[in-house]
C-alpha atoms as a PDB file:
ATOM      1  CA  UNK A   1     175.452  74.452  45.878  1.00  0.00           C
ATOM      2  CA  UNK A   2     171.661  74.272  46.083  1.00  0.00           C
ATOM      3  CA  UNK A   3     171.825  70.572  46.885  1.00  0.00           C
ATOM      4  CA  UNK A   4     174.342  71.209  49.679  1.00  0.00           C
ATOM      5  CA  UNK A   5     172.158  73.987  51.118  1.00  0.00           C
ATOM      6  CA  UNK A   6     169.088  71.773  51.007  1.00  0.00           C
ATOM      7  CA  UNK A   7     170.929  68.966  52.767  1.00  0.00           C
ATOM      8  CA  UNK A   8     172.140  71.420  55.427  1.00  0.00           C
ATOM      9  CA  UNK A   9     168.617  72.732  56.044  1.00  0.00           C
ATOM     10  CA  UNK A  10     167.245  69.220  56.323  1.00  0.00           C
ATOM     11  CA  UNK A  11     170.018  68.300  58.769  1.00  0.00           C
ATOM     12  CA  UNK A  12     169.285  71.395  60.854  1.00  0.00           C
ATOM     13  CA  UNK A  13     165.579  70.593  60.976  1.00  0.00           C
ATOM     14  CA  UNK A  14     166.291  67.001  61.952  1.00  0.00           C
ATOM     15  CA  UNK A  15     168.626  68.227  64.720  1.00  0.00           C
ATOM     16  CA  UNK A  16     166.004  70.753  65.859  1.00  0.00           C
ATOM     17  CA  UNK A  17     163.245  68.139  66.028  1.00  0.00           C
ATOM     18  CA  UNK A  18     165.554  65.721  67.870  1.00  0.00           C
ATOM     19  CA  UNK A  19     166.500  68.446  70.377  1.00  0.00           C
ATOM     20  CA  UNK A  20     162.830  69.300  70.904  1.00  0.00           C
ATOM     21  CA  UNK A  21     162.013  65.637  71.579  1.00  0.00           C
ATOM     22  CA  UNK A  22     164.910  65.312  74.037  1.00  0.00           C
ATOM     23  CA  UNK A  23     163.817  68.505  75.840  1.00  0.00           C
ATOM     24  CA  UNK A  24     160.253  67.220  76.094  1.00  0.00           C
ATOM     25  CA  UNK A  25     161.445  63.877  77.472  1.00  0.00           C
ATOM     26  CA  UNK A  26     163.636  65.587  80.073  1.00  0.00           C
ATOM     27  CA  UNK A  27     160.821  67.919  81.128  1.00  0.00           C
ATOM     28  CA  UNK A  28     158.496  64.928  81.533  1.00  0.00           C
ATOM     29  CA  UNK A  29     161.040  63.102  83.681  1.00  0.00           C
ATOM     30  CA  UNK A  30     161.535  66.172  85.876  1.00  0.00           C
ATOM     31  CA  UNK A  31     157.771  66.351  86.371  1.00  0.00           C
ATOM     32  CA  UNK A  32     157.616  62.677  87.340  1.00  0.00           C
ATOM     33  CA  UNK A  33     160.475  63.092  89.820  1.00  0.00           C
ATOM     34  CA  UNK A  34     158.806  66.170  91.304  1.00  0.00           C
ATOM     35  CA  UNK A  35     155.619  64.183  91.925  1.00  0.00           C
ATOM     36  CA  UNK A  36     157.553  61.368  93.571  1.00  0.00           C
ATOM     37  CA  UNK A  37     159.570  63.579  95.914  1.00  0.00           C
ATOM     38  CA  UNK A  38     157.765  63.925  99.236  1.00  0.00           C
ATOM     39  CA  UNK A  39     157.370  67.419 100.703  1.00  0.00           C
ATOM     40  CA  UNK A  40     159.988  68.314 103.300  1.00  0.00           C
ATOM     41  CA  UNK A  41     158.532  68.307 106.782  1.00  0.00           C
ATOM     42  CA  UNK A  42     159.764  69.202 110.234  1.00  0.00           C
ATOM     43  CA  UNK A  43     162.094  66.519 111.582  1.00  0.00           C
ATOM     44  CA  UNK A  44     160.189  64.881 114.430  1.00  0.00           C
ATOM     45  CA  UNK A  45     162.156  63.036 117.100  1.00  0.00           C
ATOM     46  CA  UNK A  46     161.115  59.960 119.032  1.00  0.00           C
ATOM     47  CA  UNK A  47     162.627  61.600 122.099  1.00  0.00           C
ATOM     48  CA  UNK A  48     160.429  64.690 121.734  1.00  0.00           C
ATOM     49  CA  UNK A  49     157.137  65.298 123.452  1.00  0.00           C
ATOM     50  CA  UNK A  50     154.599  62.816 122.146  1.00  0.00           C
ATOM     51  CA  UNK A  51     151.763  63.758 119.848  1.00  0.00           C
ATOM     52  CA  UNK A  52     148.472  63.895 121.733  1.00  0.00           C
ATOM     53  CA  UNK A  53     150.062  64.725 125.088  1.00  0.00           C
ATOM     54  CA  UNK A  54     148.842  67.758 126.997  1.00  0.00           C
ATOM     55  CA  UNK A  55     151.363  70.565 126.598  1.00  0.00           C
ATOM     56  CA  UNK A  56     153.052  71.249 129.951  1.00  0.00           C
ATOM     57  CA  UNK A  57     152.719  74.818 131.252  1.00  0.00           C
ATOM     58  CA  UNK A  58     155.828  76.997 131.250  1.00  0.00           C
ATOM     59  CA  UNK A  59     156.626  78.957 134.385  1.00  0.00           C
ATOM     60  CA  UNK A  60     159.376  81.560 134.308  1.00  0.00           C
ATOM     61  CA  UNK A  61     159.956  85.127 133.155  1.00  0.00           C
ATOM     62  CA  UNK A  62     158.850  87.183 130.186  1.00  0.00           C
ATOM     63  CA  UNK A  63     161.159  89.312 128.047  1.00  0.00           C
ATOM     64  CA  UNK A  64     161.011  92.138 130.595  1.00  0.00           C
ATOM     65  CA  UNK A  65     162.008  89.847 133.464  1.00  0.00           C
ATOM     66  CA  UNK A  66     158.539  89.699 135.006  1.00  0.00           C
ATOM     67  CA  UNK A  67     157.144  86.431 136.404  1.00  0.00           C
ATOM     68  CA  UNK A  68     154.922  84.622 133.918  1.00  0.00           C
ATOM     69  CA  UNK A  69     152.992  81.371 133.836  1.00  0.00           C
ATOM     70  CA  UNK A  70     151.895  80.205 130.406  1.00  0.00           C
ATOM     71  CA  UNK A  71     149.238  77.493 130.446  1.00  0.00           C
ATOM     72  CA  UNK A  72     149.447  77.200 126.636  1.00  0.00           C
ATOM     73  CA  UNK A  73     145.755  76.575 126.114  1.00  0.00           C
ATOM     74  CA  UNK A  74     144.711  78.207 122.835  1.00  0.00           C
ATOM     75  CA  UNK A  75     141.365  79.937 122.536  1.00  0.00           C
ATOM     76  CA  UNK A  76     138.582  78.128 120.698  1.00  0.00           C
ATOM     77  CA  UNK A  77     139.373  77.745 117.025  1.00  0.00           C
ATOM     78  CA  UNK A  78     142.993  78.799 117.435  1.00  0.00           C
ATOM     79  CA  UNK A  79     146.358  77.050 117.687  1.00  0.00           C
ATOM     80  CA  UNK A  80     149.610  77.962 119.421  1.00  0.00           C
ATOM     81  CA  UNK A  81     152.875  77.625 117.521  1.00  0.00           C
ATOM     82  CA  UNK A  82     155.463  77.353 120.308  1.00  0.00           C
ATOM     83  CA  UNK A  83     158.931  78.071 118.920  1.00  0.00           C
ATOM     84  CA  UNK A  84     162.004  77.315 121.025  1.00  0.00           C
ATOM     85  CA  UNK A  85     164.852  79.729 120.277  1.00  0.00           C
ATOM     86  CA  UNK A  86     168.118  81.070 121.710  1.00  0.00           C
ATOM     87  CA  UNK A  87     170.108  84.290 121.121  1.00  0.00           C
ATOM     88  CA  UNK A  88     173.228  82.321 120.146  1.00  0.00           C
ATOM     89  CA  UNK A  89     171.376  80.241 117.520  1.00  0.00           C
ATOM     90  CA  UNK A  90     171.979  81.647 113.983  1.00  0.00           C
ATOM     91  CA  UNK A  91     169.183  79.587 112.436  1.00  0.00           C
ATOM     92  CA  UNK A  92     166.774  80.863 115.100  1.00  0.00           C
ATOM     93  CA  UNK A  93     167.509  84.451 114.084  1.00  0.00           C
ATOM     94  CA  UNK A  94     166.824  83.580 110.461  1.00  0.00           C
ATOM     95  CA  UNK A  95     163.618  81.707 111.261  1.00  0.00           C
ATOM     96  CA  UNK A  96     162.041  84.117 113.758  1.00  0.00           C
ATOM     97  CA  UNK A  97     160.850  86.721 111.206  1.00  0.00           C
ATOM     98  CA  UNK A  98     159.583  83.888 108.997  1.00  0.00           C
ATOM     99  CA  UNK A  99     157.608  82.388 111.895  1.00  0.00           C
ATOM    100  CA  UNK A 100     156.165  85.794 112.778  1.00  0.00           C
ATOM    101  CA  UNK A 101     155.081  86.339 109.176  1.00  0.00           C
ATOM    102  CA  UNK A 102     153.540  82.853 109.034  1.00  0.00           C
ATOM    103  CA  UNK A 103     151.528  83.512 112.200  1.00  0.00           C
ATOM    104  CA  UNK A 104     150.232  86.768 110.699  1.00  0.00           C
ATOM    105  CA  UNK A 105     149.261  85.163 107.406  1.00  0.00           C
ATOM    106  CA  UNK A 106     147.710  81.978 108.807  1.00  0.00           C
ATOM    107  CA  UNK A 107     144.280  82.339 110.376  1.00  0.00           C
ATOM    108  CA  UNK A 108     143.951  81.045 113.913  1.00  0.00           C
ATOM    109  CA  UNK A 109     147.680  80.688 114.676  1.00  0.00           C
ATOM    110  CA  UNK A 110     149.320  82.435 117.655  1.00  0.00           C
ATOM    111  CA  UNK A 111     153.120  82.494 117.844  1.00  0.00           C
ATOM    112  CA  UNK A 112     154.696  81.969 121.256  1.00  0.00           C
ATOM    113  CA  UNK A 113     158.419  81.880 121.917  1.00  0.00           C
ATOM    114  CA  UNK A 114     160.194  79.825 124.564  1.00  0.00           C
ATOM    115  CA  UNK A 115     163.757  79.515 125.720  1.00  0.00           C
ATOM    116  CA  UNK A 116     166.177  79.587 128.588  1.00  0.00           C
ATOM    117  CA  UNK A 117     168.650  82.145 129.896  1.00  0.00           C
ATOM    118  CA  UNK A 118     168.738  85.904 130.418  1.00  0.00           C
ATOM    119  CA  UNK A 119     165.542  87.755 129.411  1.00  0.00           C
ATOM    120  CA  UNK A 120     167.446  90.823 128.224  1.00  0.00           C
ATOM    121  CA  UNK A 121     169.427  88.817 125.661  1.00  0.00           C
ATOM    122  CA  UNK A 122     166.292  87.284 124.186  1.00  0.00           C
ATOM    123  CA  UNK A 123     164.468  90.615 124.124  1.00  0.00           C
ATOM    124  CA  UNK A 124     167.415  92.330 122.433  1.00  0.00           C
ATOM    125  CA  UNK A 125     167.368  89.645 119.749  1.00  0.00           C
ATOM    126  CA  UNK A 126     163.640  90.106 119.160  1.00  0.00           C
ATOM    127  CA  UNK A 127     163.981  93.906 119.060  1.00  0.00           C
ATOM    128  CA  UNK A 128     166.763  93.688 116.453  1.00  0.00           C
ATOM    129  CA  UNK A 129     164.654  91.371 114.313  1.00  0.00           C
ATOM    130  CA  UNK A 130     161.461  93.361 114.795  1.00  0.00           C
ATOM    131  CA  UNK A 131     159.574  90.319 116.082  1.00  0.00           C
ATOM    132  CA  UNK A 132     156.668  90.783 118.490  1.00  0.00           C
ATOM    133  CA  UNK A 133     155.417  87.647 120.229  1.00  0.00           C
ATOM    134  CA  UNK A 134     154.835  86.448 123.791  1.00  0.00           C
ATOM    135  CA  UNK A 135     158.103  85.175 125.259  1.00  0.00           C
ATOM    136  CA  UNK A 136     158.595  82.936 128.271  1.00  0.00           C
ATOM    137  CA  UNK A 137     161.939  81.861 129.656  1.00  0.00           C
ATOM    138  CA  UNK A 138     161.951  78.837 131.945  1.00  0.00           C
ATOM    139  CA  UNK A 139     165.057  77.145 133.364  1.00  0.00           C
ATOM    140  CA  UNK A 140     164.101  73.721 132.041  1.00  0.00           C
ATOM    141  CA  UNK A 141     161.848  74.646 129.126  1.00  0.00           C
ATOM    142  CA  UNK A 142     163.816  72.483 126.696  1.00  0.00           C
ATOM    143  CA  UNK A 143     163.901  69.505 129.039  1.00  0.00           C
ATOM    144  CA  UNK A 144     160.187  69.817 129.774  1.00  0.00           C
ATOM    145  CA  UNK A 145     159.351  69.580 126.071  1.00  0.00           C
ATOM    146  CA  UNK A 146     162.261  67.210 125.384  1.00  0.00           C
ATOM    147  CA  UNK A 147     163.831  69.542 122.837  1.00  0.00           C
ATOM    148  CA  UNK A 148     167.073  68.194 121.364  1.00  0.00           C
ATOM    149  CA  UNK A 149     168.172  70.926 118.939  1.00  0.00           C
ATOM    150  CA  UNK A 150     167.102  74.457 118.069  1.00  0.00           C
ATOM    151  CA  UNK A 151     165.041  75.871 116.529  1.00  0.00           C
ATOM    152  CA  UNK A 152     162.291  73.508 117.568  1.00  0.00           C
ATOM    153  CA  UNK A 153     158.549  74.035 117.164  1.00  0.00           C
ATOM    154  CA  UNK A 154     155.551  72.494 118.896  1.00  0.00           C
ATOM    155  CA  UNK A 155     152.024  73.016 117.586  1.00  0.00           C
ATOM    156  CA  UNK A 156     149.369  73.018 120.309  1.00  0.00           C
ATOM    157  CA  UNK A 157     145.707  72.610 119.473  1.00  0.00           C
ATOM    158  CA  UNK A 158     142.382  72.155 121.233  1.00  0.00           C
ATOM    159  CA  UNK A 159     142.452  71.361 124.951  1.00  0.00           C
ATOM    160  CA  UNK A 160     146.155  72.168 124.969  1.00  0.00           C
ATOM    161  CA  UNK A 161     147.144  68.938 123.243  1.00  0.00           C
ATOM    162  CA  UNK A 162     150.283  68.671 121.135  1.00  0.00           C
ATOM    163  CA  UNK A 163     149.340  68.202 117.495  1.00  0.00           C
ATOM    164  CA  UNK A 164     152.755  68.242 115.807  1.00  0.00           C
ATOM    165  CA  UNK A 165     156.372  68.934 116.712  1.00  0.00           C
ATOM    166  CA  UNK A 166     159.862  68.801 115.306  1.00  0.00           C
ATOM    167  CA  UNK A 167     163.107  70.483 114.361  1.00  0.00           C
ATOM    168  CA  UNK A 168     162.411  73.375 111.983  1.00  0.00           C
ATOM    169  CA  UNK A 169     164.809  75.299 109.751  1.00  0.00           C
ATOM    170  CA  UNK A 170     162.568  76.787 107.043  1.00  0.00           C
ATOM    171  CA  UNK A 171     159.073  78.151 106.445  1.00  0.00           C
ATOM    172  CA  UNK A 172     158.259  74.879 104.707  1.00  0.00           C
ATOM    173  CA  UNK A 173     159.056  73.020 107.930  1.00  0.00           C
ATOM    174  CA  UNK A 174     156.768  75.315 109.930  1.00  0.00           C
ATOM    175  CA  UNK A 175     153.975  74.939 107.386  1.00  0.00           C
ATOM    176  CA  UNK A 176     154.362  71.153 107.516  1.00  0.00           C
ATOM    177  CA  UNK A 177     153.327  71.221 111.200  1.00  0.00           C
ATOM    178  CA  UNK A 178     150.135  73.099 110.328  1.00  0.00           C
ATOM    179  CA  UNK A 179     149.481  70.766 107.396  1.00  0.00           C
ATOM    180  CA  UNK A 180     149.991  67.669 109.557  1.00  0.00           C
ATOM    181  CA  UNK A 181     147.453  69.006 112.064  1.00  0.00           C
ATOM    182  CA  UNK A 182     144.923  69.680 109.308  1.00  0.00           C
ATOM    183  CA  UNK A 183     145.472  66.146 107.986  1.00  0.00           C
ATOM    184  CA  UNK A 184     145.031  64.778 111.522  1.00  0.00           C
ATOM    185  CA  UNK A 185     148.430  63.084 111.303  1.00  0.00           C
ATOM    186  CA  UNK A 186     151.489  63.171 113.602  1.00  0.00           C
ATOM    187  CA  UNK A 187     153.635  64.527 110.761  1.00  0.00           C
ATOM    188  CA  UNK A 188     153.680  64.894 106.987  1.00  0.00           C
ATOM    189  CA  UNK A 189     156.046  61.917 106.774  1.00  0.00           C
ATOM    190  CA  UNK A 190     153.658  59.765 108.827  1.00  0.00           C
ATOM    191  CA  UNK A 191     150.717  60.828 106.671  1.00  0.00           C
ATOM    192  CA  UNK A 192     152.525  59.836 103.478  1.00  0.00           C
ATOM    193  CA  UNK A 193     153.568  56.551 105.074  1.00  0.00           C
ATOM    194  CA  UNK A 194     150.018  55.892 106.290  1.00  0.00           C
ATOM    195  CA  UNK A 195     151.077  55.500 109.939  1.00  0.00           C
ATOM    196  CA  UNK A 196     147.756  56.598 111.377  1.00  0.00           C
ATOM    197  CA  UNK A 197     145.740  59.437 112.830  1.00  0.00           C
ATOM    198  CA  UNK A 198     145.744  61.289 116.127  1.00  0.00           C
ATOM    199  CA  UNK A 199     143.176  60.067 118.631  1.00  0.00           C
ATOM    200  CA  UNK A 200     140.820  62.682 120.051  1.00  0.00           C
ATOM    201  CA  UNK A 201     141.843  61.538 123.504  1.00  0.00           C
ATOM    202  CA  UNK A 202     145.553  61.787 122.814  1.00  0.00           C
ATOM    203  CA  UNK A 203     148.072  59.512 121.134  1.00  0.00           C
ATOM    204  CA  UNK A 204     148.279  58.118 117.638  1.00  0.00           C
ATOM    205  CA  UNK A 205     145.985  55.466 116.181  1.00  0.00           C
ATOM    206  CA  UNK A 206     148.149  53.058 114.188  1.00  0.00           C
ATOM    207  CA  UNK A 207     147.188  51.691 110.844  1.00  0.00           C
ATOM    208  CA  UNK A 208     146.701  52.772 107.274  1.00  0.00           C
ATOM    209  CA  UNK A 209     144.914  55.898 106.152  1.00  0.00           C
ATOM    210  CA  UNK A 210     141.210  55.738 105.587  1.00  0.00           C
END
């Protein structure tokens, strides 16, 4: 009986040690995979407005239906996060409070909203969501910025130049635009691929990272 109990205890300890080693190996592999997975960034489109271009002004109406012309030139040391939304876009409604919170938490970021259609519908959407941000509705706002799908964000920096842009669905996507600007790259994906940096005069300098 004692021999059988001893053998059982030894077998249990062997199984325990083996399980611990397997768990450690799996945890190590998960860590390696996590390091290799690139951060998710906003999906930039070749058809979108080009990085380094001067952001076109938007002329239309505000949420109250009053005429408005937005030059989209941020004050010194600040950036404009221009978010294109629509009342019939479910993802836009989910993202709007997130974008507003991001603009409040990030220093030097001003949230602007753009879209097309009836001002009252947009304002009703913002009121329901509790979002307060400048809104401009222009008939061809999407075409002017070459927006394919919503929600779409454009980050505008010094001298009104576009620093980053792309399709955004999550806070991580929005943050990737700010990170790309801080890294002086067109996008997070381009930075990781070593595509190049943004020229001070507009456009992207090709080549590897320095």
